Every structure is written in C-alpha cells, then in structure tokens.
Amino acid sequence: MFASSVLAEEPQDTLEARMEAATRYAELRDVKSRIDVMVENATKELTPEERAQISSLIRKHLRFDILRKLQIETMANTFTTRELNALIEFCRTEEGRSILLKYGPYMATVTPAIDAEVERALIEIKTEMKNKNQIG
C-alpha cells in the first residue's frame, strides 16, 4: 500500500510532463531578465547612456519568443520531469536565486581560464607525442 502511494506521487516522465515542467521553470527564469543581467554585467564599464542604448538594441533585435521556446524544448529533451521539478524548487529558495544570479559571472570568469589550461595541456601533449614518435 505504501509503495503504491509513493508511485502515485512520482511525476510521470513523459515529454508532455517535461514540457510542462520546463515551461514552469521558464516562467521562474525569464529569458528577458537573464539577458538583462548578462548585459548589465558585460557593460559595467560603459556610461549609463551607452548601457541603455545597448539594452534597447538587444531588446529590439533578440527574438525572445524563439529563445524561450528553445529553452523549454531543450530542457524537456535534456532533463527528466523529476529533475526539472527539483530545479524549480531550487530556484524558489533564497540560496538558489542567489546562486543563479552569480552563475553567469562565475562562468564568465572561470571558462577562459579552463580553456587556457586545456589548450596549454594539449600543446604539451602534442609535443610529448611528437618527441616519442621521433625517438621510436
């Protein structure tokens, strides 16, 4: 009896259920708001007038409806219903909102460093492989 009640509470993992959950997530994490944060972070050194101009141009040229549809479809095809529901619950917490606000700047800082280190290692690997092939 307990097992059947647990199974009844478990969300179905159908494409329809994932699309519904991804849509709920997209409502919490609005693409326009995320773009605004990205623009704000990327234009900190500009004057308020320049920032306003860039923001206006982005809002004019970006097709937010297409970005939102892409976000929902990609999430539904990537995550399970249970994972999406967990992500939604995370976004509703104070810590989750704080982490998500900081995640873009974090990635912008760490990604170039990771890319540079991987590139450096690949150069060393190629050199080592070349040297081994010349000896052998």
N, C-alpha and C. Protein backbone atom coordinates (compact mmCIF):
# COMPACT_ATOMS: atom_id res chain seq x y z
N MET A 1 0.82 -1.18 0.00
CA MET A 1 0.00 0.00 0.00
C MET A 1 0.88 1.26 0.00
N PHE A 2 1.93 1.28 0.82
CA PHE A 2 2.84 2.43 0.87
C PHE A 2 3.52 2.62 -0.48
N ALA A 3 3.97 1.53 -1.09
CA ALA A 3 4.65 1.63 -2.38
C ALA A 3 3.74 2.23 -3.44
N SER A 4 2.46 1.87 -3.43
CA SER A 4 1.56 2.42 -4.44
C SER A 4 1.32 3.91 -4.23
N SER A 5 1.30 4.37 -2.97
CA SER A 5 1.12 5.81 -2.75
C SER A 5 2.37 6.59 -3.14
N VAL A 6 3.55 5.99 -2.95
CA VAL A 6 4.78 6.64 -3.37
C VAL A 6 4.83 6.73 -4.89
N LEU A 7 4.44 5.66 -5.56
CA LEU A 7 4.43 5.67 -7.02
C LEU A 7 3.42 6.67 -7.57
N ALA A 8 2.30 6.84 -6.88
CA ALA A 8 1.30 7.80 -7.33
C ALA A 8 1.82 9.22 -7.24
N GLU A 9 2.71 9.50 -6.27
CA GLU A 9 3.26 10.84 -6.10
C GLU A 9 4.40 11.13 -7.08
N GLU A 10 5.01 10.09 -7.60
CA GLU A 10 6.13 10.25 -8.52
C GLU A 10 5.62 10.85 -9.83
N PRO A 11 6.23 11.95 -10.31
CA PRO A 11 5.75 12.56 -11.55
C PRO A 11 6.04 11.65 -12.74
N GLN A 12 5.12 11.64 -13.69
CA GLN A 12 5.34 10.87 -14.90
C GLN A 12 6.44 11.54 -15.71
N ASP A 13 7.27 10.72 -16.31
CA ASP A 13 8.37 11.26 -17.10
C ASP A 13 8.05 11.12 -18.59
N THR A 14 7.01 11.81 -19.00
CA THR A 14 6.64 11.85 -20.41
C THR A 14 7.13 13.18 -20.99
N LEU A 15 7.19 13.25 -22.29
CA LEU A 15 7.59 14.51 -22.93
C LEU A 15 6.61 15.62 -22.54
N GLU A 16 5.34 15.30 -22.48
CA GLU A 16 4.34 16.30 -22.10
C GLU A 16 4.59 16.83 -20.68
N ALA A 17 4.89 15.92 -19.75
CA ALA A 17 5.16 16.33 -18.36
C ALA A 17 6.46 17.15 -18.28
N ARG A 18 7.46 16.75 -19.06
CA ARG A 18 8.73 17.50 -19.07
C ARG A 18 8.53 18.89 -19.68
N MET A 19 7.73 18.99 -20.74
CA MET A 19 7.44 20.28 -21.36
C MET A 19 6.72 21.20 -20.37
N GLU A 20 5.78 20.64 -19.63
CA GLU A 20 5.03 21.43 -18.63
C GLU A 20 5.98 21.92 -17.54
N ALA A 21 6.85 21.05 -17.06
CA ALA A 21 7.79 21.44 -16.01
C ALA A 21 8.81 22.45 -16.55
N ALA A 22 9.27 22.25 -17.77
CA ALA A 22 10.22 23.19 -18.37
C ALA A 22 9.56 24.56 -18.57
N THR A 23 8.28 24.58 -18.89
CA THR A 23 7.56 25.84 -19.03
C THR A 23 7.46 26.54 -17.68
N ARG A 24 7.18 25.78 -16.62
CA ARG A 24 7.14 26.39 -15.28
C ARG A 24 8.51 26.96 -14.91
N TYR A 25 9.58 26.25 -15.27
CA TYR A 25 10.92 26.77 -14.99
C TYR A 25 11.16 28.06 -15.78
N ALA A 26 10.77 28.08 -17.05
CA ALA A 26 10.97 29.26 -17.89
C ALA A 26 10.21 30.46 -17.34
N GLU A 27 9.10 30.22 -16.68
CA GLU A 27 8.36 31.32 -16.05
C GLU A 27 9.13 31.87 -14.85
N LEU A 28 9.83 30.99 -14.13
CA LEU A 28 10.65 31.43 -12.99
C LEU A 28 11.93 32.12 -13.45
N ARG A 29 12.52 31.59 -14.50
CA ARG A 29 13.81 32.09 -15.00
C ARG A 29 13.58 32.71 -16.37
N ASP A 30 12.91 33.85 -16.39
CA ASP A 30 12.56 34.56 -17.60
C ASP A 30 13.80 34.90 -18.42
N VAL A 31 13.76 34.60 -19.71
CA VAL A 31 14.90 34.84 -20.59
C VAL A 31 15.24 36.33 -20.64
N LYS A 32 14.24 37.19 -20.70
CA LYS A 32 14.50 38.63 -20.75
C LYS A 32 15.28 39.09 -19.53
N SER A 33 14.88 38.63 -18.36
CA SER A 33 15.57 39.03 -17.13
C SER A 33 17.01 38.54 -17.13
N ARG A 34 17.21 37.31 -17.61
CA ARG A 34 18.57 36.76 -17.65
C ARG A 34 19.44 37.54 -18.62
N ILE A 35 18.87 37.93 -19.76
CA ILE A 35 19.62 38.74 -20.73
C ILE A 35 19.96 40.09 -20.11
N ASP A 36 19.01 40.69 -19.39
CA ASP A 36 19.26 41.98 -18.72
C ASP A 36 20.45 41.88 -17.78
N VAL A 37 20.52 40.79 -17.00
CA VAL A 37 21.65 40.60 -16.08
C VAL A 37 22.95 40.44 -16.85
N MET A 38 22.91 39.68 -17.94
CA MET A 38 24.11 39.49 -18.76
C MET A 38 24.59 40.83 -19.33
N VAL A 39 23.67 41.62 -19.84
CA VAL A 39 24.02 42.92 -20.41
C VAL A 39 24.59 43.83 -19.32
N GLU A 40 23.96 43.82 -18.18
CA GLU A 40 24.43 44.65 -17.06
C GLU A 40 25.85 44.27 -16.67
N ASN A 41 26.12 42.98 -16.58
CA ASN A 41 27.47 42.52 -16.22
C ASN A 41 28.49 42.84 -17.30
N ALA A 42 28.08 42.74 -18.55
CA ALA A 42 29.01 42.95 -19.67
C ALA A 42 29.27 44.42 -19.96
N THR A 43 28.40 45.30 -19.46
CA THR A 43 28.54 46.73 -19.80
C THR A 43 28.82 47.61 -18.59
N LYS A 44 29.34 47.02 -17.54
CA LYS A 44 29.60 47.78 -16.30
C LYS A 44 30.52 48.98 -16.52
N GLU A 45 31.43 48.87 -17.45
CA GLU A 45 32.41 49.93 -17.68
C GLU A 45 31.88 51.05 -18.56
N LEU A 46 30.70 50.87 -19.13
CA LEU A 46 30.14 51.88 -20.04
C LEU A 46 29.34 52.92 -19.27
N THR A 47 29.06 54.01 -19.96
CA THR A 47 28.23 55.05 -19.34
C THR A 47 26.78 54.55 -19.28
N PRO A 48 25.97 55.16 -18.41
CA PRO A 48 24.56 54.76 -18.35
C PRO A 48 23.85 54.91 -19.70
N GLU A 49 24.22 55.93 -20.46
CA GLU A 49 23.59 56.13 -21.77
C GLU A 49 23.97 55.01 -22.74
N GLU A 50 25.24 54.60 -22.73
CA GLU A 50 25.69 53.50 -23.60
C GLU A 50 25.01 52.19 -23.19
N ARG A 51 24.91 51.95 -21.88
CA ARG A 51 24.24 50.73 -21.41
C ARG A 51 22.78 50.72 -21.85
N ALA A 52 22.12 51.86 -21.73
CA ALA A 52 20.71 51.94 -22.13
C ALA A 52 20.56 51.69 -23.63
N GLN A 53 21.49 52.22 -24.41
CA GLN A 53 21.43 52.04 -25.86
C GLN A 53 21.62 50.56 -26.22
N ILE A 54 22.60 49.92 -25.60
CA ILE A 54 22.83 48.50 -25.89
C ILE A 54 21.64 47.67 -25.45
N SER A 55 21.10 47.95 -24.28
CA SER A 55 19.93 47.22 -23.80
C SER A 55 18.76 47.38 -24.75
N SER A 56 18.54 48.58 -25.23
CA SER A 56 17.45 48.85 -26.17
C SER A 56 17.65 48.07 -27.48
N LEU A 57 18.88 48.06 -27.97
CA LEU A 57 19.16 47.34 -29.22
C LEU A 57 18.99 45.83 -29.04
N ILE A 58 19.40 45.32 -27.90
CA ILE A 58 19.23 43.89 -27.64
C ILE A 58 17.76 43.54 -27.61
N ARG A 59 16.98 44.33 -26.91
CA ARG A 59 15.53 44.08 -26.84
C ARG A 59 14.88 44.20 -28.22
N LYS A 60 15.43 45.05 -29.06
CA LYS A 60 14.89 45.23 -30.41
C LYS A 60 15.22 44.03 -31.31
N HIS A 61 16.45 43.51 -31.20
CA HIS A 61 16.92 42.51 -32.16
C HIS A 61 16.81 41.06 -31.69
N LEU A 62 16.85 40.82 -30.40
CA LEU A 62 16.72 39.43 -29.94
C LEU A 62 15.28 38.97 -30.02
N ARG A 63 15.09 37.76 -30.48
CA ARG A 63 13.75 37.19 -30.58
C ARG A 63 13.51 36.34 -29.34
N PHE A 64 12.99 36.99 -28.31
CA PHE A 64 12.82 36.34 -27.01
C PHE A 64 11.85 35.17 -27.07
N ASP A 65 10.86 35.23 -27.93
CA ASP A 65 9.93 34.12 -28.06
C ASP A 65 10.64 32.87 -28.57
N ILE A 66 11.57 33.05 -29.48
CA ILE A 66 12.34 31.92 -30.00
C ILE A 66 13.29 31.39 -28.93
N LEU A 67 13.93 32.29 -28.18
CA LEU A 67 14.82 31.85 -27.11
C LEU A 67 14.06 31.08 -26.04
N ARG A 68 12.88 31.54 -25.68
CA ARG A 68 12.07 30.86 -24.67
C ARG A 68 11.65 29.47 -25.15
N LYS A 69 11.21 29.38 -26.40
CA LYS A 69 10.82 28.09 -26.97
C LYS A 69 12.01 27.13 -26.99
N LEU A 70 13.17 27.64 -27.39
CA LEU A 70 14.39 26.82 -27.40
C LEU A 70 14.74 26.35 -26.00
N GLN A 71 14.64 27.26 -25.03
CA GLN A 71 14.93 26.90 -23.64
C GLN A 71 14.02 25.76 -23.18
N ILE A 72 12.72 25.90 -23.41
CA ILE A 72 11.76 24.90 -22.94
C ILE A 72 11.98 23.56 -23.64
N GLU A 73 12.12 23.58 -24.95
CA GLU A 73 12.31 22.33 -25.69
C GLU A 73 13.61 21.63 -25.31
N THR A 74 14.68 22.40 -25.16
CA THR A 74 15.97 21.80 -24.82
C THR A 74 15.94 21.21 -23.41
N MET A 75 15.33 21.92 -22.49
CA MET A 75 15.22 21.40 -21.12
C MET A 75 14.39 20.13 -21.09
N ALA A 76 13.27 20.12 -21.82
CA ALA A 76 12.39 18.95 -21.84
C ALA A 76 13.08 17.74 -22.47
N ASN A 77 13.97 18.00 -23.41
CA ASN A 77 14.69 16.90 -24.06
C ASN A 77 15.97 16.49 -23.31
N THR A 78 16.36 17.27 -22.31
CA THR A 78 17.59 17.00 -21.59
C THR A 78 17.34 16.42 -20.20
N PHE A 79 16.38 16.98 -19.49
CA PHE A 79 16.14 16.62 -18.09
C PHE A 79 14.87 15.81 -17.93
N THR A 80 14.83 15.02 -16.87
CA THR A 80 13.62 14.29 -16.54
C THR A 80 12.65 15.23 -15.83
N THR A 81 11.40 14.80 -15.73
CA THR A 81 10.41 15.60 -15.01
C THR A 81 10.85 15.81 -13.56
N ARG A 82 11.34 14.78 -12.96
CA ARG A 82 11.79 14.87 -11.56
C ARG A 82 12.94 15.88 -11.42
N GLU A 83 13.88 15.85 -12.35
CA GLU A 83 15.00 16.80 -12.31
C GLU A 83 14.51 18.23 -12.49
N LEU A 84 13.60 18.43 -13.42
CA LEU A 84 13.05 19.77 -13.65
C LEU A 84 12.31 20.28 -12.41
N ASN A 85 11.53 19.40 -11.79
CA ASN A 85 10.82 19.81 -10.57
C ASN A 85 11.81 20.16 -9.46
N ALA A 86 12.90 19.42 -9.36
CA ALA A 86 13.93 19.74 -8.35
C ALA A 86 14.58 21.09 -8.66
N LEU A 87 14.82 21.35 -9.93
CA LEU A 87 15.40 22.62 -10.33
C LEU A 87 14.46 23.78 -10.00
N ILE A 88 13.18 23.59 -10.23
CA ILE A 88 12.18 24.61 -9.90
C ILE A 88 12.19 24.88 -8.40
N GLU A 89 12.21 23.83 -7.60
CA GLU A 89 12.24 24.01 -6.15
C GLU A 89 13.51 24.73 -5.71
N PHE A 90 14.64 24.41 -6.32
CA PHE A 90 15.90 25.09 -6.03
C PHE A 90 15.79 26.58 -6.33
N CYS A 91 15.18 26.91 -7.47
CA CYS A 91 15.04 28.31 -7.88
C CYS A 91 14.15 29.10 -6.93
N ARG A 92 13.29 28.41 -6.23
CA ARG A 92 12.37 29.09 -5.30
C ARG A 92 13.03 29.40 -3.96
N THR A 93 14.21 28.84 -3.70
CA THR A 93 14.88 29.12 -2.44
C THR A 93 15.72 30.38 -2.57
N GLU A 94 15.97 31.01 -1.44
CA GLU A 94 16.81 32.21 -1.43
C GLU A 94 18.21 31.90 -1.95
N GLU A 95 18.76 30.76 -1.51
CA GLU A 95 20.09 30.37 -1.97
C GLU A 95 20.11 30.06 -3.45
N GLY A 96 19.08 29.41 -3.94
CA GLY A 96 19.00 29.08 -5.35
C GLY A 96 18.97 30.33 -6.21
N ARG A 97 18.15 31.29 -5.83
CA ARG A 97 18.09 32.55 -6.58
C ARG A 97 19.44 33.25 -6.56
N SER A 98 20.09 33.26 -5.41
CA SER A 98 21.40 33.91 -5.28
C SER A 98 22.45 33.22 -6.15
N ILE A 99 22.46 31.90 -6.11
CA ILE A 99 23.42 31.14 -6.91
C ILE A 99 23.21 31.40 -8.40
N LEU A 100 21.97 31.38 -8.82
CA LEU A 100 21.68 31.58 -10.24
C LEU A 100 22.06 32.98 -10.71
N LEU A 101 21.92 33.98 -9.85
CA LEU A 101 22.36 35.34 -10.21
C LEU A 101 23.87 35.41 -10.37
N LYS A 102 24.60 34.62 -9.59
CA LYS A 102 26.06 34.65 -9.61
C LYS A 102 26.66 33.69 -10.64
N TYR A 103 25.86 32.77 -11.16
CA TYR A 103 26.41 31.71 -12.00
C TYR A 103 26.97 32.24 -13.32
N GLY A 104 26.30 33.20 -13.95
CA GLY A 104 26.80 33.77 -15.21
C GLY A 104 28.16 34.42 -15.04
N PRO A 105 28.29 35.35 -14.07
CA PRO A 105 29.61 35.95 -13.84
C PRO A 105 30.68 34.91 -13.47
N TYR A 106 30.29 33.90 -12.69
CA TYR A 106 31.22 32.84 -12.33
C TYR A 106 31.73 32.13 -13.59
N MET A 107 30.80 31.74 -14.47
CA MET A 107 31.19 31.03 -15.70
C MET A 107 32.03 31.93 -16.60
N ALA A 108 31.68 33.22 -16.66
CA ALA A 108 32.44 34.16 -17.49
C ALA A 108 33.87 34.29 -17.01
N THR A 109 34.09 34.13 -15.72
CA THR A 109 35.43 34.22 -15.15
C THR A 109 36.20 32.92 -15.30
N VAL A 110 35.56 31.81 -15.01
CA VAL A 110 36.28 30.54 -14.95
C VAL A 110 36.48 29.90 -16.32
N THR A 111 35.57 30.08 -17.26
CA THR A 111 35.66 29.41 -18.55
C THR A 111 36.93 29.77 -19.33
N PRO A 112 37.30 31.05 -19.45
CA PRO A 112 38.54 31.35 -20.17
C PRO A 112 39.78 30.72 -19.52
N ALA A 113 39.79 30.68 -18.19
CA ALA A 113 40.93 30.07 -17.50
C ALA A 113 40.99 28.56 -17.76
N ILE A 114 39.85 27.91 -17.73
CA ILE A 114 39.80 26.47 -18.02
C ILE A 114 40.22 26.22 -19.46
N ASP A 115 39.69 27.00 -20.39
CA ASP A 115 40.05 26.85 -21.81
C ASP A 115 41.56 27.01 -22.01
N ALA A 116 42.15 28.02 -21.36
CA ALA A 116 43.59 28.27 -21.49
C ALA A 116 44.40 27.10 -20.94
N GLU A 117 43.97 26.56 -19.81
CA GLU A 117 44.70 25.44 -19.22
C GLU A 117 44.60 24.19 -20.09
N VAL A 118 43.44 23.92 -20.64
CA VAL A 118 43.27 22.77 -21.53
C VAL A 118 44.12 22.96 -22.78
N GLU A 119 44.12 24.15 -23.34
CA GLU A 119 44.95 24.42 -24.52
C GLU A 119 46.43 24.23 -24.22
N ARG A 120 46.87 24.72 -23.06
CA ARG A 120 48.27 24.56 -22.65
C ARG A 120 48.63 23.08 -22.55
N ALA A 121 47.75 22.30 -21.91
CA ALA A 121 47.99 20.87 -21.75
C ALA A 121 48.03 20.16 -23.11
N LEU A 122 47.14 20.53 -24.02
CA LEU A 122 47.13 19.90 -25.34
C LEU A 122 48.42 20.19 -26.11
N ILE A 123 48.95 21.39 -25.97
CA ILE A 123 50.23 21.71 -26.62
C ILE A 123 51.33 20.82 -26.05
N GLU A 124 51.35 20.66 -24.73
CA GLU A 124 52.35 19.79 -24.10
C GLU A 124 52.18 18.35 -24.55
N ILE A 125 50.94 17.88 -24.65
CA ILE A 125 50.67 16.51 -25.07
C ILE A 125 51.14 16.29 -26.51
N LYS A 126 50.83 17.24 -27.39
CA LYS A 126 51.27 17.12 -28.78
C LYS A 126 52.78 17.10 -28.88
N THR A 127 53.45 17.95 -28.11
CA THR A 127 54.91 17.99 -28.10
C THR A 127 55.47 16.66 -27.61
N GLU A 128 54.90 16.14 -26.52
CA GLU A 128 55.37 14.87 -25.97
C GLU A 128 55.16 13.73 -26.96
N MET A 129 54.00 13.71 -27.61
CA MET A 129 53.72 12.63 -28.58
C MET A 129 54.65 12.75 -29.78
N LYS A 130 54.92 13.98 -30.21
CA LYS A 130 55.83 14.20 -31.34
C LYS A 130 57.22 13.72 -30.98
N ASN A 131 57.70 14.04 -29.77
CA ASN A 131 59.02 13.63 -29.32
C ASN A 131 59.12 12.11 -29.20
N LYS A 132 58.07 11.45 -28.72
CA LYS A 132 58.08 10.00 -28.59
C LYS A 132 58.13 9.35 -29.96
N ASN A 133 57.41 9.91 -30.93
CA ASN A 133 57.41 9.37 -32.28
C ASN A 133 58.75 9.54 -32.98
N GLN A 134 59.47 10.59 -32.66
CA GLN A 134 60.79 10.80 -33.25
C GLN A 134 61.82 9.84 -32.68
N ILE A 135 61.65 9.49 -31.39
CA ILE A 135 62.60 8.57 -30.74
C ILE A 135 62.34 7.15 -31.20
N GLY A 136 61.08 6.76 -31.27
CA GLY A 136 60.71 5.39 -31.59
C GLY A 136 60.77 5.10 -32.99
